[in-house]
Amino acid sequence: MALFFRLIERVGATTEEPFANRGQDVPMTALAINLERDLLELIDVPNRPAQALPVDGYLC
């Protein structure tokens, strides 16, 4: 039973900082680049930033 509570505590500690720049965190840079690309595409701007590519399986 104690193992269960320890596991819940570790999951909570990992997810309480979603922007701490770890592998499982929210990829804010990639989200911002994709948002910018989509908005520029809507107004027909041909020179858009390059799409964010994963590094070692993670978006940065």
PDB file of N, CA and C in Angstrom:
ATOM      1  N   MET A   1       0.815  -1.185   0.000  1.00  0.00           N
ATOM      2  CA  MET A   1       0.000   0.000   0.000  1.00  0.00           C
ATOM      3  C   MET A   1       0.868   1.263   0.000  1.00  0.00           C
ATOM      4  N   ALA A   2       1.964   1.218   0.736  1.00  0.00           N
ATOM      5  CA  ALA A   2       2.857   2.381   0.789  1.00  0.00           C
ATOM      6  C   ALA A   2       3.484   2.648  -0.576  1.00  0.00           C
ATOM      7  N   LEU A   3       3.747   1.593  -1.326  1.00  0.00           N
ATOM      8  CA  LEU A   3       4.318   1.749  -2.665  1.00  0.00           C
ATOM      9  C   LEU A   3       3.352   2.527  -3.563  1.00  0.00           C
ATOM     10  N   PHE A   4       2.075   2.236  -3.437  1.00  0.00           N
ATOM     11  CA  PHE A   4       1.061   2.939  -4.225  1.00  0.00           C
ATOM     12  C   PHE A   4       1.079   4.443  -3.936  1.00  0.00           C
ATOM     13  N   PHE A   5       1.120   4.806  -2.661  1.00  0.00           N
ATOM     14  CA  PHE A   5       1.139   6.218  -2.301  1.00  0.00           C
ATOM     15  C   PHE A   5       2.442   6.895  -2.730  1.00  0.00           C
ATOM     16  N   ARG A   6       3.544   6.179  -2.663  1.00  0.00           N
ATOM     17  CA  ARG A   6       4.835   6.723  -3.111  1.00  0.00           C
ATOM     18  C   ARG A   6       4.803   6.983  -4.621  1.00  0.00           C
ATOM     19  N   LEU A   7       4.204   6.063  -5.360  1.00  0.00           N
ATOM     20  CA  LEU A   7       4.087   6.228  -6.810  1.00  0.00           C
ATOM     21  C   LEU A   7       3.226   7.438  -7.152  1.00  0.00           C
ATOM     22  N   ILE A   8       2.113   7.606  -6.460  1.00  0.00           N
ATOM     23  CA  ILE A   8       1.253   8.771  -6.692  1.00  0.00           C
ATOM     24  C   ILE A   8       2.004  10.060  -6.383  1.00  0.00           C
ATOM     25  N   GLU A   9       2.789  10.066  -5.310  1.00  0.00           N
ATOM     26  CA  GLU A   9       3.558  11.254  -4.943  1.00  0.00           C
ATOM     27  C   GLU A   9       4.594  11.581  -6.008  1.00  0.00           C
ATOM     28  N   ARG A  10       5.253  10.577  -6.563  1.00  0.00           N
ATOM     29  CA  ARG A  10       6.263  10.818  -7.605  1.00  0.00           C
ATOM     30  C   ARG A  10       5.631  11.332  -8.890  1.00  0.00           C
ATOM     31  N   VAL A  11       4.490  10.779  -9.251  1.00  0.00           N
ATOM     32  CA  VAL A  11       3.784  11.261 -10.446  1.00  0.00           C
ATOM     33  C   VAL A  11       3.366  12.709 -10.246  1.00  0.00           C
ATOM     34  N   GLY A  12       2.862  13.039  -9.082  1.00  0.00           N
ATOM     35  CA  GLY A  12       2.467  14.415  -8.785  1.00  0.00           C
ATOM     36  C   GLY A  12       3.649  15.368  -8.835  1.00  0.00           C
ATOM     37  N   ALA A  13       4.787  14.956  -8.295  1.00  0.00           N
ATOM     38  CA  ALA A  13       5.980  15.813  -8.311  1.00  0.00           C
ATOM     39  C   ALA A  13       6.473  16.028  -9.730  1.00  0.00           C
ATOM     40  N   THR A  14       6.347  15.022 -10.579  1.00  0.00           N
ATOM     41  CA  THR A  14       6.794  15.146 -11.965  1.00  0.00           C
ATOM     42  C   THR A  14       5.893  16.070 -12.759  1.00  0.00           C
ATOM     43  N   THR A  15       4.606  15.991 -12.521  1.00  0.00           N
ATOM     44  CA  THR A  15       3.660  16.770 -13.328  1.00  0.00           C
ATOM     45  C   THR A  15       3.341  18.147 -12.758  1.00  0.00           C
ATOM     46  N   GLU A  16       3.818  18.480 -11.581  1.00  0.00           N
ATOM     47  CA  GLU A  16       3.469  19.785 -11.026  1.00  0.00           C
ATOM     48  C   GLU A  16       4.254  20.928 -11.660  1.00  0.00           C
ATOM     49  N   GLU A  17       5.332  20.630 -12.383  1.00  0.00           N
ATOM     50  CA  GLU A  17       6.083  21.649 -13.114  1.00  0.00           C
ATOM     51  C   GLU A  17       6.129  21.276 -14.596  1.00  0.00           C
ATOM     52  N   PRO A  18       5.067  21.581 -15.362  1.00  0.00           N
ATOM     53  CA  PRO A  18       5.017  21.151 -16.760  1.00  0.00           C
ATOM     54  C   PRO A  18       5.937  21.941 -17.695  1.00  0.00           C
ATOM     55  N   PHE A  19       6.577  23.002 -17.216  1.00  0.00           N
ATOM     56  CA  PHE A  19       7.438  23.811 -18.072  1.00  0.00           C
ATOM     57  C   PHE A  19       8.879  23.849 -17.565  1.00  0.00           C
ATOM     58  N   ALA A  20       9.350  22.789 -16.954  1.00  0.00           N
ATOM     59  CA  ALA A  20      10.684  22.754 -16.354  1.00  0.00           C
ATOM     60  C   ALA A  20      11.763  22.310 -17.342  1.00  0.00           C
ATOM     61  N   ASN A  21      11.422  22.196 -18.624  1.00  0.00           N
ATOM     62  CA  ASN A  21      12.375  21.849 -19.679  1.00  0.00           C
ATOM     63  C   ASN A  21      12.954  20.444 -19.506  1.00  0.00           C
ATOM     64  N   ARG A  22      12.089  19.492 -19.238  1.00  0.00           N
ATOM     65  CA  ARG A  22      12.462  18.083 -19.183  1.00  0.00           C
ATOM     66  C   ARG A  22      11.821  17.375 -20.371  1.00  0.00           C
ATOM     67  N   GLY A  23      12.213  16.147 -20.605  1.00  0.00           N
ATOM     68  CA  GLY A  23      11.719  15.395 -21.755  1.00  0.00           C
ATOM     69  C   GLY A  23      10.223  15.202 -21.796  1.00  0.00           C
ATOM     70  N   GLN A  24       9.581  15.029 -20.676  1.00  0.00           N
ATOM     71  CA  GLN A  24       8.141  14.779 -20.645  1.00  0.00           C
ATOM     72  C   GLN A  24       7.319  16.050 -20.492  1.00  0.00           C
ATOM     73  N   ASP A  25       7.950  17.199 -20.535  1.00  0.00           N
ATOM     74  CA  ASP A  25       7.249  18.463 -20.322  1.00  0.00           C
ATOM     75  C   ASP A  25       6.570  18.961 -21.592  1.00  0.00           C
ATOM     76  N   VAL A  26       5.761  19.980 -21.423  1.00  0.00           N
ATOM     77  CA  VAL A  26       5.052  20.599 -22.539  1.00  0.00           C
ATOM     78  C   VAL A  26       6.066  21.300 -23.448  1.00  0.00           C
ATOM     79  N   PRO A  27       6.101  20.962 -24.739  1.00  0.00           N
ATOM     80  CA  PRO A  27       7.077  21.567 -25.655  1.00  0.00           C
ATOM     81  C   PRO A  27       6.635  22.961 -26.101  1.00  0.00           C
ATOM     82  N   MET A  28       6.863  23.951 -25.262  1.00  0.00           N
ATOM     83  CA  MET A  28       6.378  25.306 -25.538  1.00  0.00           C
ATOM     84  C   MET A  28       6.978  25.895 -26.812  1.00  0.00           C
ATOM     85  N   THR A  29       8.255  25.675 -27.069  1.00  0.00           N
ATOM     86  CA  THR A  29       8.875  26.221 -28.278  1.00  0.00           C
ATOM     87  C   THR A  29       8.231  25.637 -29.521  1.00  0.00           C
ATOM     88  N   ALA A  30       8.034  24.327 -29.536  1.00  0.00           N
ATOM     89  CA  ALA A  30       7.407  23.684 -30.693  1.00  0.00           C
ATOM     90  C   ALA A  30       5.969  24.166 -30.869  1.00  0.00           C
ATOM     91  N   LEU A  31       5.243  24.333 -29.781  1.00  0.00           N
ATOM     92  CA  LEU A  31       3.873  24.846 -29.876  1.00  0.00           C
ATOM     93  C   LEU A  31       3.848  26.264 -30.440  1.00  0.00           C
ATOM     94  N   ALA A  32       4.772  27.102 -29.988  1.00  0.00           N
ATOM     95  CA  ALA A  32       4.821  28.480 -30.474  1.00  0.00           C
ATOM     96  C   ALA A  32       5.189  28.531 -31.959  1.00  0.00           C
ATOM     97  N   ILE A  33       6.135  27.701 -32.382  1.00  0.00           N
ATOM     98  CA  ILE A  33       6.531  27.677 -33.792  1.00  0.00           C
ATOM     99  C   ILE A  33       5.373  27.207 -34.658  1.00  0.00           C
ATOM    100  N   ASN A  34       4.678  26.156 -34.235  1.00  0.00           N
ATOM    101  CA  ASN A  34       3.541  25.668 -35.019  1.00  0.00           C
ATOM    102  C   ASN A  34       2.412  26.691 -35.078  1.00  0.00           C
ATOM    103  N   LEU A  35       2.169  27.369 -33.990  1.00  0.00           N
ATOM    104  CA  LEU A  35       1.147  28.416 -33.980  1.00  0.00           C
ATOM    105  C   LEU A  35       1.521  29.542 -34.934  1.00  0.00           C
ATOM    106  N   GLU A  36       2.785  29.966 -34.878  1.00  0.00           N
ATOM    107  CA  GLU A  36       3.246  31.030 -35.782  1.00  0.00           C
ATOM    108  C   GLU A  36       3.133  30.592 -37.231  1.00  0.00           C
ATOM    109  N   ARG A  37       3.535  29.354 -37.532  1.00  0.00           N
ATOM    110  CA  ARG A  37       3.443  28.844 -38.913  1.00  0.00           C
ATOM    111  C   ARG A  37       1.988  28.834 -39.392  1.00  0.00           C
ATOM    112  N   ASP A  38       1.077  28.387 -38.526  1.00  0.00           N
ATOM    113  CA  ASP A  38      -0.334  28.324 -38.912  1.00  0.00           C
ATOM    114  C   ASP A  38      -0.909  29.713 -39.157  1.00  0.00           C
ATOM    115  N   LEU A  39      -0.571  30.667 -38.296  1.00  0.00           N
ATOM    116  CA  LEU A  39      -1.089  32.026 -38.475  1.00  0.00           C
ATOM    117  C   LEU A  39      -0.524  32.678 -39.734  1.00  0.00           C
ATOM    118  N   LEU A  40       0.760  32.470 -39.998  1.00  0.00           N
ATOM    119  CA  LEU A  40       1.354  33.036 -41.211  1.00  0.00           C
ATOM    120  C   LEU A  40       0.786  32.388 -42.468  1.00  0.00           C
ATOM    121  N   GLU A  41       0.438  31.109 -42.364  1.00  0.00           N
ATOM    122  CA  GLU A  41      -0.175  30.427 -43.506  1.00  0.00           C
ATOM    123  C   GLU A  41      -1.564  31.009 -43.800  1.00  0.00           C
ATOM    124  N   LEU A  42      -2.283  31.381 -42.756  1.00  0.00           N
ATOM    125  CA  LEU A  42      -3.616  31.969 -42.952  1.00  0.00           C
ATOM    126  C   LEU A  42      -3.570  33.282 -43.711  1.00  0.00           C
ATOM    127  N   ILE A  43      -2.506  34.048 -43.540  1.00  0.00           N
ATOM    128  CA  ILE A  43      -2.408  35.329 -44.241  1.00  0.00           C
ATOM    129  C   ILE A  43      -1.479  35.249 -45.450  1.00  0.00           C
ATOM    130  N   ASP A  44      -1.187  34.014 -45.902  1.00  0.00           N
ATOM    131  CA  ASP A  44      -0.433  33.751 -47.135  1.00  0.00           C
ATOM    132  C   ASP A  44       0.974  34.340 -47.137  1.00  0.00           C
ATOM    133  N   VAL A  45       1.695  34.198 -46.039  1.00  0.00           N
ATOM    134  CA  VAL A  45       3.099  34.606 -45.986  1.00  0.00           C
ATOM    135  C   VAL A  45       3.939  33.412 -46.425  1.00  0.00           C
ATOM    136  N   PRO A  46       4.732  33.565 -47.490  1.00  0.00           N
ATOM    137  CA  PRO A  46       5.481  32.396 -47.998  1.00  0.00           C
ATOM    138  C   PRO A  46       6.676  31.992 -47.129  1.00  0.00           C
ATOM    139  N   ASN A  47       7.329  32.948 -46.476  1.00  0.00           N
ATOM    140  CA  ASN A  47       8.522  32.632 -45.673  1.00  0.00           C
ATOM    141  C   ASN A  47       8.120  32.402 -44.224  1.00  0.00           C
ATOM    142  N   ARG A  48       7.872  31.134 -43.907  1.00  0.00           N
ATOM    143  CA  ARG A  48       7.487  30.779 -42.533  1.00  0.00           C
ATOM    144  C   ARG A  48       8.654  30.085 -41.843  1.00  0.00           C
ATOM    145  N   PRO A  49       8.705  30.100 -40.504  1.00  0.00           N
ATOM    146  CA  PRO A  49       9.771  29.404 -39.786  1.00  0.00           C
ATOM    147  C   PRO A  49       9.721  27.897 -40.075  1.00  0.00           C
ATOM    148  N   ALA A  50      10.861  27.260 -39.950  1.00  0.00           N
ATOM    149  CA  ALA A  50      10.922  25.812 -40.174  1.00  0.00           C
ATOM    150  C   ALA A  50      10.119  25.100 -39.092  1.00  0.00           C
ATOM    151  N   GLN A  51       9.536  23.983 -39.477  1.00  0.00           N
ATOM    152  CA  GLN A  51       8.747  23.203 -38.531  1.00  0.00           C
ATOM    153  C   GLN A  51       9.662  22.612 -37.463  1.00  0.00           C
ATOM    154  N   ALA A  52       9.193  22.573 -36.226  1.00  0.00           N
ATOM    155  CA  ALA A  52       9.980  22.016 -35.119  1.00  0.00           C
ATOM    156  C   ALA A  52      10.114  20.509 -35.304  1.00  0.00           C
ATOM    157  N   LEU A  53      11.336  20.022 -35.193  1.00  0.00           N
ATOM    158  CA  LEU A  53      11.603  18.599 -35.352  1.00  0.00           C
ATOM    159  C   LEU A  53      12.007  17.995 -34.013  1.00  0.00           C
ATOM    160  N   PRO A  54      11.637  16.752 -33.785  1.00  0.00           N
ATOM    161  CA  PRO A  54      12.023  16.118 -32.516  1.00  0.00           C
ATOM    162  C   PRO A  54      13.526  15.877 -32.419  1.00  0.00           C
ATOM    163  N   VAL A  55      14.047  16.035 -31.213  1.00  0.00           N
ATOM    164  CA  VAL A  55      15.447  15.749 -30.911  1.00  0.00           C
ATOM    165  C   VAL A  55      15.453  14.596 -29.922  1.00  0.00           C
ATOM    166  N   ASP A  56      16.033  13.473 -30.308  1.00  0.00           N
ATOM    167  CA  ASP A  56      16.037  12.277 -29.482  1.00  0.00           C
ATOM    168  C   ASP A  56      14.627  11.847 -29.081  1.00  0.00           C
ATOM    169  N   GLY A  57      13.669  12.046 -29.991  1.00  0.00           N
ATOM    170  CA  GLY A  57      12.306  11.633 -29.748  1.00  0.00           C
ATOM    171  C   GLY A  57      11.428  12.632 -29.012  1.00  0.00           C
ATOM    172  N   TYR A  58      11.981  13.806 -28.677  1.00  0.00           N
ATOM    173  CA  TYR A  58      11.232  14.822 -27.932  1.00  0.00           C
ATOM    174  C   TYR A  58      11.224  16.127 -28.696  1.00  0.00           C
ATOM    175  N   LEU A  59      10.087  16.807 -28.677  1.00  0.00           N
ATOM    176  CA  LEU A  59      10.038  18.156 -29.216  1.00  0.00           C
ATOM    177  C   LEU A  59      10.592  19.112 -28.171  1.00  0.00           C
ATOM    178  N   CYS A  60      11.358  20.075 -28.614  1.00  0.00           N
ATOM    179  CA  CYS A  60      11.957  21.029 -27.673  1.00  0.00           C
ATOM    180  C   CYS A  60      11.214  22.335 -27.699  1.00  0.00           C
TER     181      CYS A  60
END
